[in-house]
Amino acid sequence: MNNPFSNEPVYTISIAARLVRREKGDEPPLHPQTLRMYEREGLVRPQRVGKNRLYSEQDIERLRRIQNLTQQMGVNLAGVQIILDLLERMDLLQQEVDELRKEVNTRNGQ
């Protein structure tokens, strides 16, 4: 979850629904209920301020990825969750590799 006090822009659910489809231009925005469903399924975790959901740029990119997987590739939501979990794990492993590489280079005097 993102820090609600950071300088990163956040968007209400109606704006987020439009931004997810912004790149395609000719498609209608997502229905806000779709975003609520993705949240219920645990696919996205927007910030909450009172009853309002606030979506970060990172959330918008994640929603675009979800839409691509479901609409373009035909993946169901359970499959989307598995794919997103694997992608996050791959990112963490890549970070570990990068840190280990830096440590090896430091020890070798490079």
PDB file of N, CA and C in Angstrom:
ATOM      1  N   MET A   1       0.851  -1.176   0.000  1.00  0.00           N
ATOM      2  CA  MET A   1       0.000   0.000   0.000  1.00  0.00           C
ATOM      3  C   MET A   1       0.891   1.232   0.000  1.00  0.00           C
ATOM      4  N   ASN A   2       0.418   2.268  -0.613  1.00  0.00           N
ATOM      5  CA  ASN A   2       1.178   3.493  -0.750  1.00  0.00           C
ATOM      6  C   ASN A   2       0.959   4.403   0.439  1.00  0.00           C
ATOM      7  N   ASN A   3       1.925   5.284   0.657  1.00  0.00           N
ATOM      8  CA  ASN A   3       1.837   6.253   1.733  1.00  0.00           C
ATOM      9  C   ASN A   3       0.834   7.336   1.366  1.00  0.00           C
ATOM     10  N   PRO A   4      -0.232   7.525   2.161  1.00  0.00           N
ATOM     11  CA  PRO A   4      -1.231   8.535   1.808  1.00  0.00           C
ATOM     12  C   PRO A   4      -0.710   9.960   1.905  1.00  0.00           C
ATOM     13  N   PHE A   5       0.465  10.156   2.484  1.00  0.00           N
ATOM     14  CA  PHE A   5       1.002  11.497   2.642  1.00  0.00           C
ATOM     15  C   PHE A   5       2.135  11.797   1.668  1.00  0.00           C
ATOM     16  N   SER A   6       2.377  10.904   0.715  1.00  0.00           N
ATOM     17  CA  SER A   6       3.434  11.146  -0.265  1.00  0.00           C
ATOM     18  C   SER A   6       2.955  12.156  -1.300  1.00  0.00           C
ATOM     19  N   ASN A   7       3.875  12.600  -2.140  1.00  0.00           N
ATOM     20  CA  ASN A   7       3.544  13.565  -3.189  1.00  0.00           C
ATOM     21  C   ASN A   7       3.068  12.889  -4.467  1.00  0.00           C
ATOM     22  N   GLU A   8       2.969  11.578  -4.450  1.00  0.00           N
ATOM     23  CA  GLU A   8       2.508  10.845  -5.622  1.00  0.00           C
ATOM     24  C   GLU A   8       1.029  11.150  -5.869  1.00  0.00           C
ATOM     25  N   PRO A   9       0.651  11.385  -7.128  1.00  0.00           N
ATOM     26  CA  PRO A   9      -0.770  11.651  -7.400  1.00  0.00           C
ATOM     27  C   PRO A   9      -1.614  10.405  -7.148  1.00  0.00           C
ATOM     28  N   VAL A  10      -2.819  10.620  -6.693  1.00  0.00           N
ATOM     29  CA  VAL A  10      -3.788   9.546  -6.510  1.00  0.00           C
ATOM     30  C   VAL A  10      -5.095   9.961  -7.174  1.00  0.00           C
ATOM     31  N   TYR A  11      -5.885   8.964  -7.526  1.00  0.00           N
ATOM     32  CA  TYR A  11      -7.099   9.207  -8.296  1.00  0.00           C
ATOM     33  C   TYR A  11      -8.289   8.510  -7.652  1.00  0.00           C
ATOM     34  N   THR A  12      -9.441   9.151  -7.736  1.00  0.00           N
ATOM     35  CA  THR A  12     -10.668   8.529  -7.259  1.00  0.00           C
ATOM     36  C   THR A  12     -11.036   7.382  -8.189  1.00  0.00           C
ATOM     37  N   ILE A  13     -11.980   6.582  -7.763  1.00  0.00           N
ATOM     38  CA  ILE A  13     -12.344   5.386  -8.528  1.00  0.00           C
ATOM     39  C   ILE A  13     -12.849   5.723  -9.927  1.00  0.00           C
ATOM     40  N   SER A  14     -13.615   6.799 -10.069  1.00  0.00           N
ATOM     41  CA  SER A  14     -14.143   7.142 -11.400  1.00  0.00           C
ATOM     42  C   SER A  14     -13.028   7.589 -12.349  1.00  0.00           C
ATOM     43  N   ILE A  15     -12.071   8.345 -11.838  1.00  0.00           N
ATOM     44  CA  ILE A  15     -10.933   8.775 -12.664  1.00  0.00           C
ATOM     45  C   ILE A  15     -10.037   7.580 -12.978  1.00  0.00           C
ATOM     46  N   ALA A  16      -9.794   6.735 -11.984  1.00  0.00           N
ATOM     47  CA  ALA A  16      -8.967   5.546 -12.204  1.00  0.00           C
ATOM     48  C   ALA A  16      -9.572   4.665 -13.286  1.00  0.00           C
ATOM     49  N   ALA A  17     -10.894   4.510 -13.274  1.00  0.00           N
ATOM     50  CA  ALA A  17     -11.558   3.684 -14.282  1.00  0.00           C
ATOM     51  C   ALA A  17     -11.319   4.238 -15.683  1.00  0.00           C
ATOM     52  N   ARG A  18     -11.287   5.548 -15.820  1.00  0.00           N
ATOM     53  CA  ARG A  18     -11.008   6.163 -17.127  1.00  0.00           C
ATOM     54  C   ARG A  18      -9.541   6.009 -17.511  1.00  0.00           C
ATOM     55  N   LEU A  19      -8.650   6.185 -16.538  1.00  0.00           N
ATOM     56  CA  LEU A  19      -7.218   6.129 -16.825  1.00  0.00           C
ATOM     57  C   LEU A  19      -6.764   4.739 -17.262  1.00  0.00           C
ATOM     58  N   VAL A  20      -7.398   3.712 -16.751  1.00  0.00           N
ATOM     59  CA  VAL A  20      -7.009   2.350 -17.124  1.00  0.00           C
ATOM     60  C   VAL A  20      -7.178   2.153 -18.623  1.00  0.00           C
ATOM     61  N   ARG A  21      -8.196   2.745 -19.199  1.00  0.00           N
ATOM     62  CA  ARG A  21      -8.469   2.604 -20.626  1.00  0.00           C
ATOM     63  C   ARG A  21      -7.922   3.751 -21.459  1.00  0.00           C
ATOM     64  N   ARG A  22      -7.259   4.718 -20.846  1.00  0.00           N
ATOM     65  CA  ARG A  22      -6.777   5.907 -21.548  1.00  0.00           C
ATOM     66  C   ARG A  22      -5.902   5.572 -22.747  1.00  0.00           C
ATOM     67  N   GLU A  23      -5.039   4.590 -22.610  1.00  0.00           N
ATOM     68  CA  GLU A  23      -4.098   4.266 -23.680  1.00  0.00           C
ATOM     69  C   GLU A  23      -4.807   3.806 -24.947  1.00  0.00           C
ATOM     70  N   LYS A  24      -5.942   3.181 -24.805  1.00  0.00           N
ATOM     71  CA  LYS A  24      -6.636   2.646 -25.970  1.00  0.00           C
ATOM     72  C   LYS A  24      -7.523   3.690 -26.627  1.00  0.00           C
ATOM     73  N   GLY A  25      -7.924   4.710 -25.904  1.00  0.00           N
ATOM     74  CA  GLY A  25      -8.657   5.828 -26.457  1.00  0.00           C
ATOM     75  C   GLY A  25     -10.061   5.539 -26.933  1.00  0.00           C
ATOM     76  N   ASP A  26     -10.224   4.528 -27.764  1.00  0.00           N
ATOM     77  CA  ASP A  26     -11.537   4.266 -28.351  1.00  0.00           C
ATOM     78  C   ASP A  26     -12.430   3.399 -27.470  1.00  0.00           C
ATOM     79  N   GLU A  27     -11.892   2.846 -26.404  1.00  0.00           N
ATOM     80  CA  GLU A  27     -12.682   1.988 -25.530  1.00  0.00           C
ATOM     81  C   GLU A  27     -13.325   2.809 -24.417  1.00  0.00           C
ATOM     82  N   PRO A  28     -14.525   2.416 -23.992  1.00  0.00           N
ATOM     83  CA  PRO A  28     -15.155   3.122 -22.874  1.00  0.00           C
ATOM     84  C   PRO A  28     -14.387   2.841 -21.582  1.00  0.00           C
ATOM     85  N   PRO A  29     -14.529   3.708 -20.588  1.00  0.00           N
ATOM     86  CA  PRO A  29     -13.837   3.464 -19.321  1.00  0.00           C
ATOM     87  C   PRO A  29     -14.374   2.206 -18.648  1.00  0.00           C
ATOM     88  N   LEU A  30     -13.569   1.652 -17.771  1.00  0.00           N
ATOM     89  CA  LEU A  30     -14.045   0.531 -16.965  1.00  0.00           C
ATOM     90  C   LEU A  30     -15.170   1.022 -16.072  1.00  0.00           C
ATOM     91  N   HIS A  31     -16.035   0.135 -15.710  1.00  0.00           N
ATOM     92  CA  HIS A  31     -17.070   0.497 -14.746  1.00  0.00           C
ATOM     93  C   HIS A  31     -16.425   0.470 -13.362  1.00  0.00           C
ATOM     94  N   PRO A  32     -16.698   1.461 -12.525  1.00  0.00           N
ATOM     95  CA  PRO A  32     -16.121   1.457 -11.175  1.00  0.00           C
ATOM     96  C   PRO A  32     -16.395   0.161 -10.411  1.00  0.00           C
ATOM     97  N   GLN A  33     -17.514  -0.483 -10.699  1.00  0.00           N
ATOM     98  CA  GLN A  33     -17.818  -1.747 -10.022  1.00  0.00           C
ATOM     99  C   GLN A  33     -16.771  -2.815 -10.346  1.00  0.00           C
ATOM    100  N   THR A  34     -16.203  -2.745 -11.545  1.00  0.00           N
ATOM    101  CA  THR A  34     -15.135  -3.681 -11.918  1.00  0.00           C
ATOM    102  C   THR A  34     -13.924  -3.475 -11.015  1.00  0.00           C
ATOM    103  N   LEU A  35     -13.585  -2.219 -10.748  1.00  0.00           N
ATOM    104  CA  LEU A  35     -12.455  -1.942  -9.855  1.00  0.00           C
ATOM    105  C   LEU A  35     -12.755  -2.429  -8.445  1.00  0.00           C
ATOM    106  N   ARG A  36     -13.992  -2.255  -8.003  1.00  0.00           N
ATOM    107  CA  ARG A  36     -14.376  -2.746  -6.669  1.00  0.00           C
ATOM    108  C   ARG A  36     -14.248  -4.269  -6.602  1.00  0.00           C
ATOM    109  N   MET A  37     -14.643  -4.951  -7.682  1.00  0.00           N
ATOM    110  CA  MET A  37     -14.533  -6.407  -7.727  1.00  0.00           C
ATOM    111  C   MET A  37     -13.058  -6.826  -7.658  1.00  0.00           C
ATOM    112  N   TYR A  38     -12.199  -6.134  -8.414  1.00  0.00           N
ATOM    113  CA  TYR A  38     -10.774  -6.452  -8.367  1.00  0.00           C
ATOM    114  C   TYR A  38     -10.230  -6.278  -6.949  1.00  0.00           C
ATOM    115  N   GLU A  39     -10.718  -5.265  -6.248  1.00  0.00           N
ATOM    116  CA  GLU A  39     -10.284  -5.067  -4.864  1.00  0.00           C
ATOM    117  C   GLU A  39     -10.781  -6.212  -3.982  1.00  0.00           C
ATOM    118  N   ARG A  40     -12.046  -6.593  -4.122  1.00  0.00           N
ATOM    119  CA  ARG A  40     -12.598  -7.703  -3.329  1.00  0.00           C
ATOM    120  C   ARG A  40     -11.818  -8.993  -3.570  1.00  0.00           C
ATOM    121  N   GLU A  41     -11.383  -9.193  -4.812  1.00  0.00           N
ATOM    122  CA  GLU A  41     -10.625 -10.394  -5.166  1.00  0.00           C
ATOM    123  C   GLU A  41      -9.163 -10.311  -4.719  1.00  0.00           C
ATOM    124  N   GLY A  42      -8.742  -9.161  -4.210  1.00  0.00           N
ATOM    125  CA  GLY A  42      -7.372  -9.001  -3.735  1.00  0.00           C
ATOM    126  C   GLY A  42      -6.365  -8.700  -4.831  1.00  0.00           C
ATOM    127  N   LEU A  43      -6.839  -8.318  -6.011  1.00  0.00           N
ATOM    128  CA  LEU A  43      -5.935  -8.051  -7.127  1.00  0.00           C
ATOM    129  C   LEU A  43      -5.314  -6.666  -7.062  1.00  0.00           C
ATOM    130  N   VAL A  44      -5.969  -5.745  -6.400  1.00  0.00           N
ATOM    131  CA  VAL A  44      -5.465  -4.381  -6.248  1.00  0.00           C
ATOM    132  C   VAL A  44      -5.876  -3.893  -4.864  1.00  0.00           C
ATOM    133  N   ARG A  45      -5.006  -3.077  -4.253  1.00  0.00           N
ATOM    134  CA  ARG A  45      -5.278  -2.566  -2.913  1.00  0.00           C
ATOM    135  C   ARG A  45      -5.094  -1.049  -2.895  1.00  0.00           C
ATOM    136  N   PRO A  46      -6.123  -0.324  -3.310  1.00  0.00           N
ATOM    137  CA  PRO A  46      -5.997   1.139  -3.295  1.00  0.00           C
ATOM    138  C   PRO A  46      -5.968   1.664  -1.866  1.00  0.00           C
ATOM    139  N   GLN A  47      -5.456   2.867  -1.726  1.00  0.00           N
ATOM    140  CA  GLN A  47      -5.497   3.534  -0.423  1.00  0.00           C
ATOM    141  C   GLN A  47      -6.946   3.797  -0.067  1.00  0.00           C
ATOM    142  N   ARG A  48      -7.212   3.925   1.219  1.00  0.00           N
ATOM    143  CA  ARG A  48      -8.552   4.280   1.674  1.00  0.00           C
ATOM    144  C   ARG A  48      -8.444   5.521   2.535  1.00  0.00           C
ATOM    145  N   VAL A  49      -9.297   6.485   2.243  1.00  0.00           N
ATOM    146  CA  VAL A  49      -9.451   7.671   3.083  1.00  0.00           C
ATOM    147  C   VAL A  49     -10.942   7.758   3.354  1.00  0.00           C
ATOM    148  N   GLY A  50     -11.321   7.371   4.563  1.00  0.00           N
ATOM    149  CA  GLY A  50     -12.739   7.254   4.853  1.00  0.00           C
ATOM    150  C   GLY A  50     -13.315   6.143   3.989  1.00  0.00           C
ATOM    151  N   LYS A  51     -14.370   6.441   3.270  1.00  0.00           N
ATOM    152  CA  LYS A  51     -14.983   5.455   2.379  1.00  0.00           C
ATOM    153  C   LYS A  51     -14.452   5.558   0.954  1.00  0.00           C
ATOM    154  N   ASN A  52     -13.580   6.503   0.705  1.00  0.00           N
ATOM    155  CA  ASN A  52     -13.069   6.737  -0.649  1.00  0.00           C
ATOM    156  C   ASN A  52     -11.848   5.879  -0.943  1.00  0.00           C
ATOM    157  N   ARG A  53     -11.820   5.337  -2.150  1.00  0.00           N
ATOM    158  CA  ARG A  53     -10.659   4.610  -2.644  1.00  0.00           C
ATOM    159  C   ARG A  53      -9.814   5.589  -3.450  1.00  0.00           C
ATOM    160  N   LEU A  54      -8.510   5.530  -3.234  1.00  0.00           N
ATOM    161  CA  LEU A  54      -7.589   6.385  -3.981  1.00  0.00           C
ATOM    162  C   LEU A  54      -6.546   5.494  -4.647  1.00  0.00           C
ATOM    163  N   TYR A  55      -6.466   5.596  -5.958  1.00  0.00           N
ATOM    164  CA  TYR A  55      -5.585   4.747  -6.756  1.00  0.00           C
ATOM    165  C   TYR A  55      -4.336   5.516  -7.164  1.00  0.00           C
ATOM    166  N   SER A  56      -3.169   4.907  -6.930  1.00  0.00           N
ATOM    167  CA  SER A  56      -1.887   5.508  -7.309  1.00  0.00           C
ATOM    168  C   SER A  56      -1.573   5.160  -8.764  1.00  0.00           C
ATOM    169  N   GLU A  57      -0.514   5.779  -9.288  1.00  0.00           N
ATOM    170  CA  GLU A  57      -0.044   5.438 -10.638  1.00  0.00           C
ATOM    171  C   GLU A  57       0.316   3.957 -10.713  1.00  0.00           C
ATOM    172  N   GLN A  58       0.916   3.442  -9.650  1.00  0.00           N
ATOM    173  CA  GLN A  58       1.270   2.025  -9.603  1.00  0.00           C
ATOM    174  C   GLN A  58       0.007   1.158  -9.663  1.00  0.00           C
ATOM    175  N   ASP A  59      -1.042   1.568  -8.963  1.00  0.00           N
ATOM    176  CA  ASP A  59      -2.316   0.846  -9.023  1.00  0.00           C
ATOM    177  C   ASP A  59      -2.889   0.870 -10.438  1.00  0.00           C
ATOM    178  N   ILE A  60      -2.801   2.029 -11.107  1.00  0.00           N
ATOM    179  CA  ILE A  60      -3.323   2.159 -12.472  1.00  0.00           C
ATOM    180  C   ILE A  60      -2.586   1.195 -13.403  1.00  0.00           C
ATOM    181  N   GLU A  61      -1.260   1.128 -13.276  1.00  0.00           N
ATOM    182  CA  GLU A  61      -0.487   0.197 -14.110  1.00  0.00           C
ATOM    183  C   GLU A  61      -0.876  -1.247 -13.820  1.00  0.00           C
ATOM    184  N   ARG A  62      -1.080  -1.566 -12.556  1.00  0.00           N
ATOM    185  CA  ARG A  62      -1.504  -2.921 -12.185  1.00  0.00           C
ATOM    186  C   ARG A  62      -2.879  -3.231 -12.788  1.00  0.00           C
ATOM    187  N   LEU A  63      -3.792  -2.261 -12.730  1.00  0.00           N
ATOM    188  CA  LEU A  63      -5.124  -2.447 -13.315  1.00  0.00           C
ATOM    189  C   LEU A  63      -5.038  -2.649 -14.824  1.00  0.00           C
ATOM    190  N   ARG A  64      -4.141  -1.929 -15.477  1.00  0.00           N
ATOM    191  CA  ARG A  64      -3.949  -2.117 -16.923  1.00  0.00           C
ATOM    192  C   ARG A  64      -3.450  -3.528 -17.215  1.00  0.00           C
ATOM    193  N   ARG A  65      -2.548  -4.002 -16.385  1.00  0.00           N
ATOM    194  CA  ARG A  65      -2.031  -5.362 -16.568  1.00  0.00           C
ATOM    195  C   ARG A  65      -3.159  -6.384 -16.372  1.00  0.00           C
ATOM    196  N   ILE A  66      -3.989  -6.172 -15.351  1.00  0.00           N
ATOM    197  CA  ILE A  66      -5.125  -7.068 -15.099  1.00  0.00           C
ATOM    198  C   ILE A  66      -6.062  -7.071 -16.300  1.00  0.00           C
ATOM    199  N   GLN A  67      -6.370  -5.878 -16.810  1.00  0.00           N
ATOM    200  CA  GLN A  67      -7.259  -5.776 -17.965  1.00  0.00           C
ATOM    201  C   GLN A  67      -6.670  -6.483 -19.176  1.00  0.00           C
ATOM    202  N   ASN A  68      -5.390  -6.320 -19.401  1.00  0.00           N
ATOM    203  CA  ASN A  68      -4.741  -6.991 -20.526  1.00  0.00           C
ATOM    204  C   ASN A  68      -4.831  -8.509 -20.379  1.00  0.00           C
ATOM    205  N   LEU A  69      -4.544  -8.998 -19.186  1.00  0.00           N
ATOM    206  CA  LEU A  69      -4.590 -10.442 -18.967  1.00  0.00           C
ATOM    207  C   LEU A  69      -5.997 -11.002 -19.155  1.00  0.00           C
ATOM    208  N   THR A  70      -6.998 -10.297 -18.649  1.00  0.00           N
ATOM    209  CA  THR A  70      -8.361 -10.819 -18.730  1.00  0.00           C
ATOM    210  C   THR A  70      -8.985 -10.606 -20.101  1.00  0.00           C
ATOM    211  N   GLN A  71      -8.833  -9.422 -20.659  1.00  0.00           N
ATOM    212  CA  GLN A  71      -9.520  -9.100 -21.906  1.00  0.00           C
ATOM    213  C   GLN A  71      -8.773  -9.585 -23.147  1.00  0.00           C
ATOM    214  N   GLN A  72      -7.471  -9.398 -23.176  1.00  0.00           N
ATOM    215  CA  GLN A  72      -6.698  -9.747 -24.374  1.00  0.00           C
ATOM    216  C   GLN A  72      -6.225 -11.201 -24.373  1.00  0.00           C
ATOM    217  N   MET A  73      -5.928 -11.711 -23.180  1.00  0.00           N
ATOM    218  CA  MET A  73      -5.348 -13.047 -23.110  1.00  0.00           C
ATOM    219  C   MET A  73      -6.321 -14.099 -22.586  1.00  0.00           C
ATOM    220  N   GLY A  74      -7.482 -13.675 -22.113  1.00  0.00           N
ATOM    221  CA  GLY A  74      -8.496 -14.625 -21.665  1.00  0.00           C
ATOM    222  C   GLY A  74      -8.204 -15.317 -20.350  1.00  0.00           C
ATOM    223  N   VAL A  75      -7.375 -14.723 -19.510  1.00  0.00           N
ATOM    224  CA  VAL A  75      -7.028 -15.322 -18.225  1.00  0.00           C
ATOM    225  C   VAL A  75      -8.132 -14.997 -17.220  1.00  0.00           C
ATOM    226  N   ASN A  76      -8.544 -16.002 -16.434  1.00  0.00           N
ATOM    227  CA  ASN A  76      -9.545 -15.730 -15.406  1.00  0.00           C
ATOM    228  C   ASN A  76      -8.881 -15.067 -14.196  1.00  0.00           C
ATOM    229  N   LEU A  77      -9.689 -14.580 -13.253  1.00  0.00           N
ATOM    230  CA  LEU A  77      -9.138 -13.810 -12.133  1.00  0.00           C
ATOM    231  C   LEU A  77      -8.223 -14.633 -11.237  1.00  0.00           C
ATOM    232  N   ALA A  78      -8.510 -15.925 -11.079  1.00  0.00           N
ATOM    233  CA  ALA A  78      -7.613 -16.777 -10.293  1.00  0.00           C
ATOM    234  C   ALA A  78      -6.246 -16.869 -10.979  1.00  0.00           C
ATOM    235  N   GLY A  79      -6.261 -16.999 -12.297  1.00  0.00           N
ATOM    236  CA  GLY A  79      -5.011 -17.029 -13.050  1.00  0.00           C
ATOM    237  C   GLY A  79      -4.269 -15.714 -12.975  1.00  0.00           C
ATOM    238  N   VAL A  80      -5.021 -14.610 -13.025  1.00  0.00           N
ATOM    239  CA  VAL A  80      -4.410 -13.284 -12.900  1.00  0.00           C
ATOM    240  C   VAL A  80      -3.685 -13.171 -11.568  1.00  0.00           C
ATOM    241  N   GLN A  81      -4.318 -13.638 -10.489  1.00  0.00           N
ATOM    242  CA  GLN A  81      -3.684 -13.558  -9.164  1.00  0.00           C
ATOM    243  C   GLN A  81      -2.377 -14.338  -9.145  1.00  0.00           C
ATOM    244  N   ILE A  82      -2.385 -15.522  -9.723  1.00  0.00           N
ATOM    245  CA  ILE A  82      -1.166 -16.337  -9.769  1.00  0.00           C
ATOM    246  C   ILE A  82      -0.083 -15.624 -10.568  1.00  0.00           C
ATOM    247  N   ILE A  83      -0.442 -15.080 -11.714  1.00  0.00           N
ATOM    248  CA  ILE A  83       0.531 -14.376 -12.556  1.00  0.00           C
ATOM    249  C   ILE A  83       1.103 -13.168 -11.830  1.00  0.00           C
ATOM    250  N   LEU A  84       0.242 -12.372 -11.198  1.00  0.00           N
ATOM    251  CA  LEU A  84       0.718 -11.181 -10.482  1.00  0.00           C
ATOM    252  C   LEU A  84       1.627 -11.564  -9.320  1.00  0.00           C
ATOM    253  N   ASP A  85       1.266 -12.632  -8.601  1.00  0.00           N
ATOM    254  CA  ASP A  85       2.116 -13.102  -7.499  1.00  0.00           C
ATOM    255  C   ASP A  85       3.483 -13.542  -8.016  1.00  0.00           C
ATOM    256  N   LEU A  86       3.493 -14.265  -9.139  1.00  0.00           N
ATOM    257  CA  LEU A  86       4.764 -14.715  -9.717  1.00  0.00           C
ATOM    258  C   LEU A  86       5.614 -13.542 -10.196  1.00  0.00           C
ATOM    259  N   LEU A  87       4.977 -12.546 -10.798  1.00  0.00           N
ATOM    260  CA  LEU A  87       5.714 -11.361 -11.250  1.00  0.00           C
ATOM    261  C   LEU A  87       6.332 -10.610 -10.073  1.00  0.00           C
ATOM    262  N   GLU A  88       5.584 -10.494  -8.977  1.00  0.00           N
ATOM    263  CA  GLU A  88       6.133  -9.841  -7.782  1.00  0.00           C
ATOM    264  C   GLU A  88       7.314 -10.632  -7.232  1.00  0.00           C
ATOM    265  N   ARG A  89       7.181 -11.956  -7.209  1.00  0.00           N
ATOM    266  CA  ARG A  89       8.267 -12.803  -6.718  1.00  0.00           C
ATOM    267  C   ARG A  89       9.500 -12.669  -7.614  1.00  0.00           C
ATOM    268  N   MET A  90       9.279 -12.616  -8.924  1.00  0.00           N
ATOM    269  CA  MET A  90      10.398 -12.433  -9.853  1.00  0.00           C
ATOM    270  C   MET A  90      11.103 -11.100  -9.606  1.00  0.00           C
ATOM    271  N   ASP A  91      10.342 -10.050  -9.347  1.00  0.00           N
ATOM    272  CA  ASP A  91      10.940  -8.743  -9.051  1.00  0.00           C
ATOM    273  C   ASP A  91      11.796  -8.812  -7.792  1.00  0.00           C
ATOM    274  N   LEU A  92      11.275  -9.477  -6.755  1.00  0.00           N
ATOM    275  CA  LEU A  92      12.043  -9.615  -5.513  1.00  0.00           C
ATOM    276  C   LEU A  92      13.325 -10.408  -5.741  1.00  0.00           C
ATOM    277  N   LEU A  93      13.228 -11.482  -6.497  1.00  0.00           N
ATOM    278  CA  LEU A  93      14.418 -12.281  -6.787  1.00  0.00           C
ATOM    279  C   LEU A  93      15.434 -11.492  -7.606  1.00  0.00           C
ATOM    280  N   GLN A  94      14.957 -10.685  -8.552  1.00  0.00           N
ATOM    281  CA  GLN A  94      15.864  -9.856  -9.343  1.00  0.00           C
ATOM    282  C   GLN A  94      16.582  -8.848  -8.454  1.00  0.00           C
ATOM    283  N   GLN A  95      15.865  -8.283  -7.493  1.00  0.00           N
ATOM    284  CA  GLN A  95      16.491  -7.348  -6.553  1.00  0.00           C
ATOM    285  C   GLN A  95      17.576  -8.048  -5.744  1.00  0.00           C
ATOM    286  N   GLU A  96      17.297  -9.287  -5.310  1.00  0.00           N
ATOM    287  CA  GLU A  96      18.296 -10.050  -4.561  1.00  0.00           C
ATOM    288  C   GLU A  96      19.528 -10.314  -5.421  1.00  0.00           C
ATOM    289  N   VAL A  97      19.317 -10.688  -6.668  1.00  0.00           N
ATOM    290  CA  VAL A  97      20.436 -10.938  -7.588  1.00  0.00           C
ATOM    291  C   VAL A  97      21.264  -9.669  -7.750  1.00  0.00           C
ATOM    292  N   ASP A  98      20.598  -8.539  -7.947  1.00  0.00           N
ATOM    293  CA  ASP A  98      21.306  -7.265  -8.113  1.00  0.00           C
ATOM    294  C   ASP A  98      22.125  -6.922  -6.876  1.00  0.00           C
ATOM    295  N   GLU A  99      21.549  -7.137  -5.687  1.00  0.00           N
ATOM    296  CA  GLU A  99      22.277  -6.855  -4.446  1.00  0.00           C
ATOM    297  C   GLU A  99      23.480  -7.777  -4.293  1.00  0.00           C
ATOM    298  N   LEU A 100      23.294  -9.049  -4.596  1.00  0.00           N
ATOM    299  CA  LEU A 100      24.410  -9.994  -4.508  1.00  0.00           C
ATOM    300  C   LEU A 100      25.498  -9.656  -5.518  1.00  0.00           C
ATOM    301  N   ARG A 101      25.100  -9.236  -6.700  1.00  0.00           N
ATOM    302  CA  ARG A 101      26.074  -8.848  -7.725  1.00  0.00           C
ATOM    303  C   ARG A 101      26.895  -7.647  -7.239  1.00  0.00           C
ATOM    304  N   LYS A 102      26.236  -6.666  -6.631  1.00  0.00           N
ATOM    305  CA  LYS A 102      26.946  -5.502  -6.092  1.00  0.00           C
ATOM    306  C   LYS A 102      27.929  -5.924  -5.006  1.00  0.00           C
ATOM    307  N   GLU A 103      27.483  -6.838  -4.145  1.00  0.00           N
ATOM    308  CA  GLU A 103      28.348  -7.304  -3.064  1.00  0.00           C
ATOM    309  C   GLU A 103      29.582  -8.016  -3.619  1.00  0.00           C
ATOM    310  N   VAL A 104      29.389  -8.856  -4.616  1.00  0.00           N
ATOM    311  CA  VAL A 104      30.512  -9.566  -5.237  1.00  0.00           C
ATOM    312  C   VAL A 104      31.465  -8.570  -5.885  1.00  0.00           C
ATOM    313  N   ASN A 105      30.920  -7.588  -6.603  1.00  0.00           N
ATOM    314  CA  ASN A 105      31.765  -6.580  -7.244  1.00  0.00           C
ATOM    315  C   ASN A 105      32.538  -5.767  -6.217  1.00  0.00           C
ATOM    316  N   THR A 106      31.900  -5.444  -5.094  1.00  0.00           N
ATOM    317  CA  THR A 106      32.569  -4.691  -4.033  1.00  0.00           C
ATOM    318  C   THR A 106      33.717  -5.509  -3.445  1.00  0.00           C
ATOM    319  N   ARG A 107      33.472  -6.781  -3.201  1.00  0.00           N
ATOM    320  CA  ARG A 107      34.507  -7.646  -2.623  1.00  0.00           C
ATOM    321  C   ARG A 107      35.656  -7.878  -3.598  1.00  0.00           C
ATOM    322  N   ASN A 108      35.351  -7.841  -4.882  1.00  0.00           N
ATOM    323  CA  ASN A 108      36.392  -8.034  -5.896  1.00  0.00           C
ATOM    324  C   ASN A 108      37.081  -6.732  -6.266  1.00  0.00           C
ATOM    325  N   GLY A 109      36.689  -5.641  -5.622  1.00  0.00           N
ATOM    326  CA  GLY A 109      37.330  -4.358  -5.865  1.00  0.00           C
ATOM    327  C   GLY A 109      36.903  -3.681  -7.150  1.00  0.00           C
ATOM    328  N   GLN A 110      35.750  -3.980  -7.636  1.00  0.00           N
ATOM    329  CA  GLN A 110      35.295  -3.365  -8.896  1.00  0.00           C
ATOM    330  C   GLN A 110      34.345  -2.243  -8.631  1.00  0.00           C
TER     331      GLN A 110
END
